Amino acid sequence: MFLADKVVPLAYDPGIKPNDAGLPGLEVLKQVVGSINLFGIIAVVGALAVSAGVWAWGHHSGGHQAEANGKKGVLVSAGAALLLGAANGVVAFFSTLGTQVH
């Protein structure tokens, strides 16, 4: 018996595909996740405003540590906004990429 004959049964495809009509409450779950995403975006706007204020305060008061922390906060807030805004696209991209694995 060859090695390939032993490995072929391990590559069994169970045939499971995403089903958007499979469970009740899917629309409610989508609304909840969308609301969580919105709260995250609103929190990022607040964090960005506070970080920009700390950055400006640190710059004008000579507080180099506060200025550095404000810069970091602005960059982290911008990154979080990018990820929250692109969440659907990132998940769709990797989900589509995952369907191509055989």
C-alpha atoms as a PDB file:
ATOM      1  CA  MET A   1       0.000   0.000   0.000  1.00  0.00           C
ATOM      2  CA  PHE A   2       1.415   3.368  -1.034  1.00  0.00           C
ATOM      3  CA  LEU A   3       1.581   6.441   1.185  1.00  0.00           C
ATOM      4  CA  ALA A   4      -0.866   8.295  -1.110  1.00  0.00           C
ATOM      5  CA  ASP A   5      -3.477   5.584  -0.519  1.00  0.00           C
ATOM      6  CA  LYS A   6      -3.203   6.180   3.227  1.00  0.00           C
ATOM      7  CA  VAL A   7      -3.415   9.991   2.926  1.00  0.00           C
ATOM      8  CA  VAL A   8      -6.431  10.195   0.573  1.00  0.00           C
ATOM      9  CA  PRO A   9      -8.988   9.296   3.297  1.00  0.00           C
ATOM     10  CA  LEU A  10      -7.637  12.187   5.398  1.00  0.00           C
ATOM     11  CA  ALA A  11      -8.673  14.668   2.671  1.00  0.00           C
ATOM     12  CA  TYR A  12     -12.378  13.931   3.009  1.00  0.00           C
ATOM     13  CA  ASP A  13     -14.588  16.942   2.232  1.00  0.00           C
ATOM     14  CA  PRO A  14     -17.546  17.037   4.642  1.00  0.00           C
ATOM     15  CA  GLY A  15     -19.447  19.327   2.235  1.00  0.00           C
ATOM     16  CA  ILE A  16     -20.362  21.973   4.807  1.00  0.00           C
ATOM     17  CA  LYS A  17     -21.106  25.400   3.350  1.00  0.00           C
ATOM     18  CA  PRO A  18     -22.239  28.618   5.094  1.00  0.00           C
ATOM     19  CA  ASN A  19     -26.030  28.735   5.194  1.00  0.00           C
ATOM     20  CA  ASP A  20     -27.634  32.087   5.899  1.00  0.00           C
ATOM     21  CA  ALA A  21     -31.053  30.511   6.461  1.00  0.00           C
ATOM     22  CA  GLY A  22     -29.888  27.803   8.839  1.00  0.00           C
ATOM     23  CA  LEU A  23     -30.549  29.364  12.246  1.00  0.00           C
ATOM     24  CA  PRO A  24     -33.295  31.597  13.552  1.00  0.00           C
ATOM     25  CA  GLY A  25     -32.208  35.005  14.759  1.00  0.00           C
ATOM     26  CA  LEU A  26     -29.475  35.530  12.210  1.00  0.00           C
ATOM     27  CA  GLU A  27     -30.802  38.983  11.282  1.00  0.00           C
ATOM     28  CA  VAL A  28     -30.828  39.976  14.954  1.00  0.00           C
ATOM     29  CA  LEU A  29     -27.249  38.757  15.334  1.00  0.00           C
ATOM     30  CA  LYS A  30     -26.203  40.806  12.301  1.00  0.00           C
ATOM     31  CA  GLN A  31     -27.846  43.887  13.832  1.00  0.00           C
ATOM     32  CA  VAL A  32     -26.118  43.284  17.175  1.00  0.00           C
ATOM     33  CA  VAL A  33     -22.690  42.878  15.554  1.00  0.00           C
ATOM     34  CA  GLY A  34     -23.309  45.974  13.421  1.00  0.00           C
ATOM     35  CA  SER A  35     -24.219  47.924  16.561  1.00  0.00           C
ATOM     36  CA  ILE A  36     -21.058  46.723  18.316  1.00  0.00           C
ATOM     37  CA  ASN A  37     -19.061  47.873  15.301  1.00  0.00           C
ATOM     38  CA  LEU A  38     -20.751  51.294  15.467  1.00  0.00           C
ATOM     39  CA  PHE A  39     -19.989  51.610  19.200  1.00  0.00           C
ATOM     40  CA  GLY A  40     -16.379  50.722  18.425  1.00  0.00           C
ATOM     41  CA  ILE A  41     -16.161  53.423  15.767  1.00  0.00           C
ATOM     42  CA  ILE A  42     -17.674  55.998  18.131  1.00  0.00           C
ATOM     43  CA  ALA A  43     -15.191  54.983  20.844  1.00  0.00           C
ATOM     44  CA  VAL A  44     -12.338  55.360  18.364  1.00  0.00           C
ATOM     45  CA  VAL A  45     -13.480  58.890  17.515  1.00  0.00           C
ATOM     46  CA  GLY A  46     -13.364  59.733  21.228  1.00  0.00           C
ATOM     47  CA  ALA A  47      -9.971  58.088  21.670  1.00  0.00           C
ATOM     48  CA  LEU A  48      -8.617  59.949  18.661  1.00  0.00           C
ATOM     49  CA  ALA A  49      -9.843  63.275  20.019  1.00  0.00           C
ATOM     50  CA  VAL A  50      -8.354  62.634  23.465  1.00  0.00           C
ATOM     51  CA  SER A  51      -5.058  61.413  21.990  1.00  0.00           C
ATOM     52  CA  ALA A  52      -4.794  64.448  19.749  1.00  0.00           C
ATOM     53  CA  GLY A  53      -5.446  66.666  22.772  1.00  0.00           C
ATOM     54  CA  VAL A  54      -2.742  64.901  24.796  1.00  0.00           C
ATOM     55  CA  TRP A  55      -0.349  65.197  21.868  1.00  0.00           C
ATOM     56  CA  ALA A  56      -1.003  68.948  21.561  1.00  0.00           C
ATOM     57  CA  TRP A  57      -0.817  69.508  25.319  1.00  0.00           C
ATOM     58  CA  GLY A  58       2.438  67.588  25.567  1.00  0.00           C
ATOM     59  CA  HIS A  59       3.928  69.498  22.661  1.00  0.00           C
ATOM     60  CA  HIS A  60       3.028  72.934  24.016  1.00  0.00           C
ATOM     61  CA  SER A  61       3.901  72.189  27.634  1.00  0.00           C
ATOM     62  CA  GLY A  62       7.226  70.538  26.885  1.00  0.00           C
ATOM     63  CA  GLY A  63       6.078  67.161  28.196  1.00  0.00           C
ATOM     64  CA  HIS A  64       7.862  64.806  25.861  1.00  0.00           C
ATOM     65  CA  GLN A  65       6.323  61.688  27.420  1.00  0.00           C
ATOM     66  CA  ALA A  66       2.792  63.072  27.029  1.00  0.00           C
ATOM     67  CA  GLU A  67       3.557  64.078  23.466  1.00  0.00           C
ATOM     68  CA  ALA A  68       4.848  60.589  22.637  1.00  0.00           C
ATOM     69  CA  ASN A  69       1.821  58.959  24.274  1.00  0.00           C
ATOM     70  CA  GLY A  70      -0.501  61.253  22.322  1.00  0.00           C
ATOM     71  CA  LYS A  71       1.195  60.287  19.064  1.00  0.00           C
ATOM     72  CA  LYS A  72       0.882  56.600  19.913  1.00  0.00           C
ATOM     73  CA  GLY A  73      -2.770  57.075  20.779  1.00  0.00           C
ATOM     74  CA  VAL A  74      -3.472  58.800  17.475  1.00  0.00           C
ATOM     75  CA  LEU A  75      -1.776  56.000  15.530  1.00  0.00           C
ATOM     76  CA  VAL A  76      -3.552  53.261  17.483  1.00  0.00           C
ATOM     77  CA  SER A  77      -6.891  55.024  17.050  1.00  0.00           C
ATOM     78  CA  ALA A  78      -6.319  55.404  13.322  1.00  0.00           C
ATOM     79  CA  GLY A  79      -5.416  51.710  13.052  1.00  0.00           C
ATOM     80  CA  ALA A  80      -8.489  50.692  15.012  1.00  0.00           C
ATOM     81  CA  ALA A  81     -10.681  52.862  12.769  1.00  0.00           C
ATOM     82  CA  LEU A  82      -9.114  51.230   9.721  1.00  0.00           C
ATOM     83  CA  LEU A  83      -9.785  47.732  11.054  1.00  0.00           C
ATOM     84  CA  LEU A  84     -13.335  48.515  12.164  1.00  0.00           C
ATOM     85  CA  GLY A  85     -14.179  50.079   8.830  1.00  0.00           C
ATOM     86  CA  ALA A  86     -12.600  47.256   6.857  1.00  0.00           C
ATOM     87  CA  ALA A  87     -13.946  44.411   9.021  1.00  0.00           C
ATOM     88  CA  ASN A  88     -16.446  43.147   6.426  1.00  0.00           C
ATOM     89  CA  GLY A  89     -13.903  43.291   3.622  1.00  0.00           C
ATOM     90  CA  VAL A  90     -11.167  41.577   5.645  1.00  0.00           C
ATOM     91  CA  VAL A  91     -13.473  38.750   6.699  1.00  0.00           C
ATOM     92  CA  ALA A  92     -14.857  38.371   3.168  1.00  0.00           C
ATOM     93  CA  PHE A  93     -11.344  38.299   1.699  1.00  0.00           C
ATOM     94  CA  PHE A  94     -10.067  35.588   4.042  1.00  0.00           C
ATOM     95  CA  SER A  95     -13.307  33.619   3.820  1.00  0.00           C
ATOM     96  CA  THR A  96     -13.033  33.583   0.029  1.00  0.00           C
ATOM     97  CA  LEU A  97      -9.367  32.696   0.296  1.00  0.00           C
ATOM     98  CA  GLY A  98     -10.258  29.859   2.654  1.00  0.00           C
ATOM     99  CA  THR A  99     -12.724  28.359   0.179  1.00  0.00           C
ATOM    100  CA  GLN A 100      -9.883  27.951  -2.310  1.00  0.00           C
ATOM    101  CA  VAL A 101      -7.901  25.640  -0.005  1.00  0.00           C
ATOM    102  CA  HIS A 102      -8.207  22.047  -1.149  1.00  0.00           C
END
